[in-house]
Amino acid sequence: IVQSVASTWHIAVRAISTDGGPSRHFPNYTVETNQRTR
């Protein structure tokens, strides 16, 4: 759903894995390094 909305309106998405695991919808994800707390 996030991927579809972002593609429709050409919004840049930065996907962050909170447990380090991958996502098939966001292959270019990054692992969280305390971003949510900040």
All heavy atoms as atom14 arrays in JSON, in Angstrom:
{
  "sequence": "IVQSVASTWHIAVRAISTDGGPSRHFPNYTVETNQRTR",
  "atom14_mask": [
    [1, 1, 1, 1, 1, 1, 1, 1, 0, 0, 0, 0, 0, 0],
    [1, 1, 1, 1, 1, 1, 1, 0, 0, 0, 0, 0, 0, 0],
    [1, 1, 1, 1, 1, 1, 1, 1, 1, 0, 0, 0, 0, 0],
    [1, 1, 1, 1, 1, 1, 0, 0, 0, 0, 0, 0, 0, 0],
    [1, 1, 1, 1, 1, 1, 1, 0, 0, 0, 0, 0, 0, 0],
    [1, 1, 1, 1, 1, 0, 0, 0, 0, 0, 0, 0, 0, 0],
    [1, 1, 1, 1, 1, 1, 0, 0, 0, 0, 0, 0, 0, 0],
    [1, 1, 1, 1, 1, 1, 1, 0, 0, 0, 0, 0, 0, 0],
    [1, 1, 1, 1, 1, 1, 1, 1, 1, 1, 1, 1, 1, 1],
    [1, 1, 1, 1, 1, 1, 1, 1, 1, 1, 0, 0, 0, 0],
    [1, 1, 1, 1, 1, 1, 1, 1, 0, 0, 0, 0, 0, 0],
    [1, 1, 1, 1, 1, 0, 0, 0, 0, 0, 0, 0, 0, 0],
    [1, 1, 1, 1, 1, 1, 1, 0, 0, 0, 0, 0, 0, 0],
    [1, 1, 1, 1, 1, 1, 1, 1, 1, 1, 1, 0, 0, 0],
    [1, 1, 1, 1, 1, 0, 0, 0, 0, 0, 0, 0, 0, 0],
    [1, 1, 1, 1, 1, 1, 1, 1, 0, 0, 0, 0, 0, 0],
    [1, 1, 1, 1, 1, 1, 0, 0, 0, 0, 0, 0, 0, 0],
    [1, 1, 1, 1, 1, 1, 1, 0, 0, 0, 0, 0, 0, 0],
    [1, 1, 1, 1, 1, 1, 1, 1, 0, 0, 0, 0, 0, 0],
    [1, 1, 1, 1, 0, 0, 0, 0, 0, 0, 0, 0, 0, 0],
    [1, 1, 1, 1, 0, 0, 0, 0, 0, 0, 0, 0, 0, 0],
    [1, 1, 1, 1, 1, 1, 1, 0, 0, 0, 0, 0, 0, 0],
    [1, 1, 1, 1, 1, 1, 0, 0, 0, 0, 0, 0, 0, 0],
    [1, 1, 1, 1, 1, 1, 1, 1, 1, 1, 1, 0, 0, 0],
    [1, 1, 1, 1, 1, 1, 1, 1, 1, 1, 0, 0, 0, 0],
    [1, 1, 1, 1, 1, 1, 1, 1, 1, 1, 1, 0, 0, 0],
    [1, 1, 1, 1, 1, 1, 1, 0, 0, 0, 0, 0, 0, 0],
    [1, 1, 1, 1, 1, 1, 1, 1, 0, 0, 0, 0, 0, 0],
    [1, 1, 1, 1, 1, 1, 1, 1, 1, 1, 1, 1, 0, 0],
    [1, 1, 1, 1, 1, 1, 1, 0, 0, 0, 0, 0, 0, 0],
    [1, 1, 1, 1, 1, 1, 1, 0, 0, 0, 0, 0, 0, 0],
    [1, 1, 1, 1, 1, 1, 1, 1, 1, 0, 0, 0, 0, 0],
    [1, 1, 1, 1, 1, 1, 1, 0, 0, 0, 0, 0, 0, 0],
    [1, 1, 1, 1, 1, 1, 1, 1, 0, 0, 0, 0, 0, 0],
    [1, 1, 1, 1, 1, 1, 1, 1, 1, 0, 0, 0, 0, 0],
    [1, 1, 1, 1, 1, 1, 1, 1, 1, 1, 1, 0, 0, 0],
    [1, 1, 1, 1, 1, 1, 1, 0, 0, 0, 0, 0, 0, 0],
    [1, 1, 1, 1, 1, 1, 1, 1, 1, 1, 1, 0, 0, 0]
  ],
  "atom14_positions": [
    [[0.84, -1.2, 0.0], [0.0, 0.0, 0.0], [0.87, 1.25, 0.0], [0.65, 2.19, -0.77], [-0.94, -0.02, 1.22], [-1.93, -1.18, 1.1], [-1.68, 1.3, 1.36], [-2.81, -1.37, 2.32], [0.0, 0.0, 0.0], [0.0, 0.0, 0.0], [0.0, 0.0, 0.0], [0.0, 0.0, 0.0], [0.0, 0.0, 0.0], [0.0, 0.0, 0.0]],
    [[1.91, 1.24, 0.85], [2.82, 2.38, 0.89], [3.54, 2.53, -0.45], [3.69, 3.64, -0.98], [3.84, 2.22, 2.04], [4.89, 3.32, 2.0], [3.12, 2.21, 3.38], [0.0, 0.0, 0.0], [0.0, 0.0, 0.0], [0.0, 0.0, 0.0], [0.0, 0.0, 0.0], [0.0, 0.0, 0.0], [0.0, 0.0, 0.0], [0.0, 0.0, 0.0]],
    [[3.96, 1.4, -1.02], [4.66, 1.44, -2.31], [3.75, 2.0, -3.41], [4.19, 2.81, -4.24], [5.13, 0.03, -2.68], [5.92, -0.02, -3.97], [6.21, -1.46, -4.4], [5.3, -2.3, -4.37], [7.46, -1.73, -4.79], [0.0, 0.0, 0.0], [0.0, 0.0, 0.0], [0.0, 0.0, 0.0], [0.0, 0.0, 0.0], [0.0, 0.0, 0.0]],
    [[2.46, 1.61, -3.4], [1.53, 2.08, -4.43], [1.27, 3.58, -4.33], [1.29, 4.3, -5.33], [0.21, 1.31, -4.31], [-0.75, 1.82, -5.2], [0.0, 0.0, 0.0], [0.0, 0.0, 0.0], [0.0, 0.0, 0.0], [0.0, 0.0, 0.0], [0.0, 0.0, 0.0], [0.0, 0.0, 0.0], [0.0, 0.0, 0.0], [0.0, 0.0, 0.0]],
    [[1.04, 4.07, -3.12], [0.77, 5.51, -2.94], [2.0, 6.32, -3.31], [1.9, 7.36, -3.99], [0.35, 5.79, -1.48], [0.29, 7.29, -1.21], [-0.99, 5.13, -1.17], [0.0, 0.0, 0.0], [0.0, 0.0, 0.0], [0.0, 0.0, 0.0], [0.0, 0.0, 0.0], [0.0, 0.0, 0.0], [0.0, 0.0, 0.0], [0.0, 0.0, 0.0]],
    [[3.16, 5.86, -2.89], [4.39, 6.6, -3.21], [4.64, 6.62, -4.72], [5.07, 7.64, -5.27], [5.57, 5.97, -2.48], [0.0, 0.0, 0.0], [0.0, 0.0, 0.0], [0.0, 0.0, 0.0], [0.0, 0.0, 0.0], [0.0, 0.0, 0.0], [0.0, 0.0, 0.0], [0.0, 0.0, 0.0], [0.0, 0.0, 0.0], [0.0, 0.0, 0.0]],
    [[4.38, 5.51, -5.41], [4.6, 5.46, -6.86], [3.6, 6.35, -7.6], [3.95, 7.01, -8.58], [4.48, 4.03, -7.36], [5.45, 3.2, -6.75], [0.0, 0.0, 0.0], [0.0, 0.0, 0.0], [0.0, 0.0, 0.0], [0.0, 0.0, 0.0], [0.0, 0.0, 0.0], [0.0, 0.0, 0.0], [0.0, 0.0, 0.0], [0.0, 0.0, 0.0]],
    [[2.36, 6.4, -7.11], [1.33, 7.2, -7.77], [1.69, 8.68, -7.76], [1.52, 9.39, -8.76], [-0.04, 6.99, -7.1], [-0.38, 5.6, -7.19], [-1.11, 7.83, -7.76], [0.0, 0.0, 0.0], [0.0, 0.0, 0.0], [0.0, 0.0, 0.0], [0.0, 0.0, 0.0], [0.0, 0.0, 0.0], [0.0, 0.0, 0.0], [0.0, 0.0, 0.0]],
    [[2.21, 9.16, -6.65], [2.47, 10.59, -6.49], [3.97, 10.92, -6.53], [4.36, 12.04, -6.23], [1.87, 11.09, -5.18], [0.38, 10.81, -5.11], [-0.25, 9.94, -4.3], [-0.63, 11.41, -5.93], [-1.59, 9.93, -4.53], [-1.87, 10.83, -5.53], [-0.64, 12.35, -6.95], [-3.08, 11.18, -6.12], [-1.85, 12.69, -7.54], [-3.04, 12.12, -7.13]],
    [[4.78, 9.95, -6.91], [6.22, 10.16, -7.1], [6.89, 10.7, -5.82], [7.68, 11.64, -5.86], [6.48, 11.13, -8.27], [5.77, 10.74, -9.52], [6.17, 9.66, -10.29], [4.68, 11.28, -10.14], [5.36, 9.55, -11.34], [4.46, 10.52, -11.27], [0.0, 0.0, 0.0], [0.0, 0.0, 0.0], [0.0, 0.0, 0.0], [0.0, 0.0, 0.0]],
    [[6.52, 10.07, -4.72], [7.08, 10.47, -3.42], [8.24, 9.53, -3.09], [8.11, 8.29, -3.19], [6.02, 10.4, -2.31], [4.81, 11.28, -2.66], [6.59, 10.83, -0.97], [3.64, 11.13, -1.69], [0.0, 0.0, 0.0], [0.0, 0.0, 0.0], [0.0, 0.0, 0.0], [0.0, 0.0, 0.0], [0.0, 0.0, 0.0], [0.0, 0.0, 0.0]],
    [[9.36, 10.11, -2.69], [10.51, 9.3, -2.31], [10.23, 8.6, -0.98], [9.7, 9.22, -0.04], [11.75, 10.18, -2.19], [0.0, 0.0, 0.0], [0.0, 0.0, 0.0], [0.0, 0.0, 0.0], [0.0, 0.0, 0.0], [0.0, 0.0, 0.0], [0.0, 0.0, 0.0], [0.0, 0.0, 0.0], [0.0, 0.0, 0.0], [0.0, 0.0, 0.0]],
    [[10.57, 7.3, -0.9], [10.35, 6.51, 0.31], [11.68, 5.95, 0.77], [12.43, 5.37, -0.02], [9.35, 5.35, 0.06], [9.17, 4.54, 1.35], [8.03, 5.87, -0.44], [0.0, 0.0, 0.0], [0.0, 0.0, 0.0], [0.0, 0.0, 0.0], [0.0, 0.0, 0.0], [0.0, 0.0, 0.0], [0.0, 0.0, 0.0], [0.0, 0.0, 0.0]],
    [[11.91, 6.09, 2.08], [13.08, 5.46, 2.69], [12.56, 4.4, 3.64], [12.02, 4.69, 4.69], [13.93, 6.48, 3.43], [15.18, 5.86, 4.03], [16.05, 6.9, 4.68], [17.24, 6.28, 5.27], [18.15, 6.95, 5.97], [18.02, 8.26, 6.16], [19.19, 6.33, 6.47], [0.0, 0.0, 0.0], [0.0, 0.0, 0.0], [0.0, 0.0, 0.0]],
    [[12.69, 3.11, 3.22], [12.22, 1.99, 4.02], [13.29, 1.59, 5.02], [14.47, 1.43, 4.66], [11.85, 0.81, 3.13], [0.0, 0.0, 0.0], [0.0, 0.0, 0.0], [0.0, 0.0, 0.0], [0.0, 0.0, 0.0], [0.0, 0.0, 0.0], [0.0, 0.0, 0.0], [0.0, 0.0, 0.0], [0.0, 0.0, 0.0], [0.0, 0.0, 0.0]],
    [[12.88, 1.41, 6.29], [13.82, 1.09, 7.36], [13.34, -0.17, 8.06], [12.22, -0.23, 8.56], [13.93, 2.25, 8.37], [14.43, 3.51, 7.65], [14.86, 1.88, 9.51], [14.52, 4.72, 8.55], [0.0, 0.0, 0.0], [0.0, 0.0, 0.0], [0.0, 0.0, 0.0], [0.0, 0.0, 0.0], [0.0, 0.0, 0.0], [0.0, 0.0, 0.0]],
    [[14.22, -1.2, 8.08], [13.9, -2.46, 8.73], [14.25, -2.35, 10.22], [15.4, -2.04, 10.57], [14.66, -3.61, 8.09], [14.45, -4.81, 8.81], [0.0, 0.0, 0.0], [0.0, 0.0, 0.0], [0.0, 0.0, 0.0], [0.0, 0.0, 0.0], [0.0, 0.0, 0.0], [0.0, 0.0, 0.0], [0.0, 0.0, 0.0], [0.0, 0.0, 0.0]],
    [[13.27, -2.61, 11.05], [13.51, -2.48, 12.5], [14.15, -3.74, 13.09], [14.68, -3.68, 14.2], [12.19, -2.19, 13.23], [11.27, -3.26, 12.97], [11.58, -0.88, 12.75], [0.0, 0.0, 0.0], [0.0, 0.0, 0.0], [0.0, 0.0, 0.0], [0.0, 0.0, 0.0], [0.0, 0.0, 0.0], [0.0, 0.0, 0.0], [0.0, 0.0, 0.0]],
    [[14.09, -4.87, 12.36], [14.71, -6.08, 12.88], [15.83, -6.58, 11.96], [16.37, -7.68, 12.15], [13.67, -7.19, 13.06], [12.98, -7.58, 11.76], [13.27, -6.95, 10.71], [12.13, -8.49, 11.79], [0.0, 0.0, 0.0], [0.0, 0.0, 0.0], [0.0, 0.0, 0.0], [0.0, 0.0, 0.0], [0.0, 0.0, 0.0], [0.0, 0.0, 0.0]],
    [[16.16, -5.79, 10.94], [17.25, -6.15, 10.03], [16.82, -7.04, 8.89], [17.63, -7.33, 8.0], [0.0, 0.0, 0.0], [0.0, 0.0, 0.0], [0.0, 0.0, 0.0], [0.0, 0.0, 0.0], [0.0, 0.0, 0.0], [0.0, 0.0, 0.0], [0.0, 0.0, 0.0], [0.0, 0.0, 0.0], [0.0, 0.0, 0.0], [0.0, 0.0, 0.0]],
    [[15.57, -7.54, 8.89], [15.11, -8.43, 7.83], [14.74, -7.67, 6.57], [14.44, -6.47, 6.6], [0.0, 0.0, 0.0], [0.0, 0.0, 0.0], [0.0, 0.0, 0.0], [0.0, 0.0, 0.0], [0.0, 0.0, 0.0], [0.0, 0.0, 0.0], [0.0, 0.0, 0.0], [0.0, 0.0, 0.0], [0.0, 0.0, 0.0], [0.0, 0.0, 0.0]],
    [[14.73, -8.35, 5.41], [14.46, -7.69, 4.13], [12.96, -7.5, 3.88], [12.11, -8.0, 4.6], [15.06, -8.66, 3.11], [14.91, -10.0, 3.77], [15.08, -9.78, 5.23], [0.0, 0.0, 0.0], [0.0, 0.0, 0.0], [0.0, 0.0, 0.0], [0.0, 0.0, 0.0], [0.0, 0.0, 0.0], [0.0, 0.0, 0.0], [0.0, 0.0, 0.0]],
    [[12.63, -6.77, 2.82], [11.27, -6.58, 2.36], [11.26, -6.74, 0.85], [12.06, -6.1, 0.14], [10.74, -5.19, 2.73], [9.51, -4.93, 2.1], [0.0, 0.0, 0.0], [0.0, 0.0, 0.0], [0.0, 0.0, 0.0], [0.0, 0.0, 0.0], [0.0, 0.0, 0.0], [0.0, 0.0, 0.0], [0.0, 0.0, 0.0], [0.0, 0.0, 0.0]],
    [[10.36, -7.56, 0.35], [10.32, -7.79, -1.09], [9.76, -6.6, -1.84], [9.95, -6.47, -3.06], [9.51, -9.05, -1.41], [8.09, -9.03, -0.89], [7.46, -10.42, -1.04], [6.08, -10.46, -0.55], [5.02, -10.21, -1.3], [5.18, -9.93, -2.58], [3.81, -10.28, -0.79], [0.0, 0.0, 0.0], [0.0, 0.0, 0.0], [0.0, 0.0, 0.0]],
    [[9.08, -5.71, -1.17], [8.54, -4.53, -1.82], [9.52, -3.35, -1.78], [9.44, -2.45, -2.62], [7.23, -4.1, -1.15], [6.14, -5.11, -1.27], [5.88, -6.06, -0.3], [5.24, -5.35, -2.27], [4.88, -6.82, -0.67], [4.46, -6.42, -1.87], [0.0, 0.0, 0.0], [0.0, 0.0, 0.0], [0.0, 0.0, 0.0], [0.0, 0.0, 0.0]],
    [[10.45, -3.4, -0.83], [11.46, -2.34, -0.72], [12.84, -3.0, -0.61], [13.4, -3.12, 0.47], [11.19, -1.46, 0.51], [9.88, -0.72, 0.44], [8.76, -1.2, 1.12], [9.76, 0.45, -0.3], [7.56, -0.52, 1.05], [8.56, 1.13, -0.36], [7.44, 0.65, 0.32], [0.0, 0.0, 0.0], [0.0, 0.0, 0.0], [0.0, 0.0, 0.0]],
    [[13.37, -3.42, -1.73], [14.67, -4.11, -1.68], [15.81, -3.19, -1.24], [16.8, -3.69, -0.67], [14.87, -4.6, -3.11], [14.0, -3.72, -3.95], [12.84, -3.35, -3.11], [0.0, 0.0, 0.0], [0.0, 0.0, 0.0], [0.0, 0.0, 0.0], [0.0, 0.0, 0.0], [0.0, 0.0, 0.0], [0.0, 0.0, 0.0], [0.0, 0.0, 0.0]],
    [[15.68, -1.91, -1.44], [16.74, -0.98, -1.07], [16.49, -0.4, 0.34], [16.6, 0.8, 0.58], [16.83, 0.16, -2.08], [17.2, -0.33, -3.46], [18.0, -1.25, -3.6], [16.62, 0.29, -4.49], [0.0, 0.0, 0.0], [0.0, 0.0, 0.0], [0.0, 0.0, 0.0], [0.0, 0.0, 0.0], [0.0, 0.0, 0.0], [0.0, 0.0, 0.0]],
    [[16.17, -1.26, 1.25], [15.89, -0.83, 2.62], [17.19, -0.58, 3.38], [18.28, -1.01, 2.93], [15.07, -1.88, 3.35], [15.82, -3.15, 3.65], [16.48, -3.34, 4.86], [15.89, -4.18, 2.7], [17.17, -4.5, 5.13], [16.57, -5.34, 2.95], [17.22, -5.5, 4.18], [17.92, -6.66, 4.44], [0.0, 0.0, 0.0], [0.0, 0.0, 0.0]],
    [[17.09, 0.07, 4.53], [18.22, 0.24, 5.45], [17.81, -0.28, 6.82], [16.61, -0.35, 7.13], [18.64, 1.71, 5.56], [17.54, 2.48, 6.03], [19.11, 2.25, 4.22], [0.0, 0.0, 0.0], [0.0, 0.0, 0.0], [0.0, 0.0, 0.0], [0.0, 0.0, 0.0], [0.0, 0.0, 0.0], [0.0, 0.0, 0.0], [0.0, 0.0, 0.0]],
    [[18.8, -0.64, 7.61], [18.53, -1.14, 8.96], [18.45, 0.04, 9.92], [19.25, 0.97, 9.83], [19.61, -2.15, 9.39], [19.34, -2.63, 10.81], [19.68, -3.32, 8.4], [0.0, 0.0, 0.0], [0.0, 0.0, 0.0], [0.0, 0.0, 0.0], [0.0, 0.0, 0.0], [0.0, 0.0, 0.0], [0.0, 0.0, 0.0], [0.0, 0.0, 0.0]],
    [[17.5, -0.05, 10.83], [17.29, 1.06, 11.76], [18.49, 1.24, 12.69], [19.03, 0.27, 13.21], [16.03, 0.82, 12.59], [15.74, 1.96, 13.57], [14.5, 1.72, 14.39], [13.99, 0.58, 14.41], [14.05, 2.66, 15.06], [0.0, 0.0, 0.0], [0.0, 0.0, 0.0], [0.0, 0.0, 0.0], [0.0, 0.0, 0.0], [0.0, 0.0, 0.0]],
    [[18.85, 2.47, 12.88], [19.9, 2.83, 13.84], [19.38, 3.96, 14.74], [19.87, 5.08, 14.71], [21.17, 3.3, 13.11], [20.83, 4.39, 12.23], [21.8, 2.16, 12.32], [0.0, 0.0, 0.0], [0.0, 0.0, 0.0], [0.0, 0.0, 0.0], [0.0, 0.0, 0.0], [0.0, 0.0, 0.0], [0.0, 0.0, 0.0], [0.0, 0.0, 0.0]],
    [[18.32, 3.64, 15.44], [17.73, 4.56, 16.42], [17.03, 5.77, 15.77], [16.88, 6.81, 16.41], [18.8, 5.05, 17.4], [18.23, 5.38, 18.76], [17.22, 4.8, 19.17], [18.85, 6.32, 19.47], [0.0, 0.0, 0.0], [0.0, 0.0, 0.0], [0.0, 0.0, 0.0], [0.0, 0.0, 0.0], [0.0, 0.0, 0.0], [0.0, 0.0, 0.0]],
    [[16.6, 5.64, 14.51], [15.94, 6.78, 13.86], [14.6, 7.12, 14.51], [14.26, 8.3, 14.67], [15.7, 6.47, 12.37], [16.96, 6.48, 11.53], [17.52, 5.07, 11.35], [17.34, 4.22, 12.24], [18.21, 4.82, 10.26], [0.0, 0.0, 0.0], [0.0, 0.0, 0.0], [0.0, 0.0, 0.0], [0.0, 0.0, 0.0], [0.0, 0.0, 0.0]],
    [[13.8, 6.12, 14.86], [12.48, 6.41, 15.43], [12.59, 7.16, 16.76], [11.78, 8.05, 17.04], [11.69, 5.11, 15.62], [11.16, 4.55, 14.32], [10.26, 3.37, 14.56], [10.97, 2.21, 15.08], [10.41, 1.04, 15.38], [9.11, 0.86, 15.15], [11.11, 0.04, 15.83], [0.0, 0.0, 0.0], [0.0, 0.0, 0.0], [0.0, 0.0, 0.0]],
    [[13.56, 6.81, 17.57], [13.73, 7.5, 18.84], [14.08, 8.95, 18.62], [13.57, 9.86, 19.3], [14.81, 6.81, 19.68], [14.45, 5.44, 19.9], [14.97, 7.51, 21.02], [0.0, 0.0, 0.0], [0.0, 0.0, 0.0], [0.0, 0.0, 0.0], [0.0, 0.0, 0.0], [0.0, 0.0, 0.0], [0.0, 0.0, 0.0], [0.0, 0.0, 0.0]],
    [[14.95, 9.22, 17.65], [15.33, 10.61, 17.36], [14.14, 11.41, 16.82], [14.06, 12.62, 17.0], [16.48, 10.64, 16.36], [17.8, 10.13, 16.93], [18.97, 10.57, 16.06], [18.86, 10.06, 14.7], [19.37, 8.9, 14.29], [20.03, 8.11, 15.14], [19.25, 8.52, 13.02], [0.0, 0.0, 0.0], [0.0, 0.0, 0.0], [0.0, 0.0, 0.0]]
  ]
}
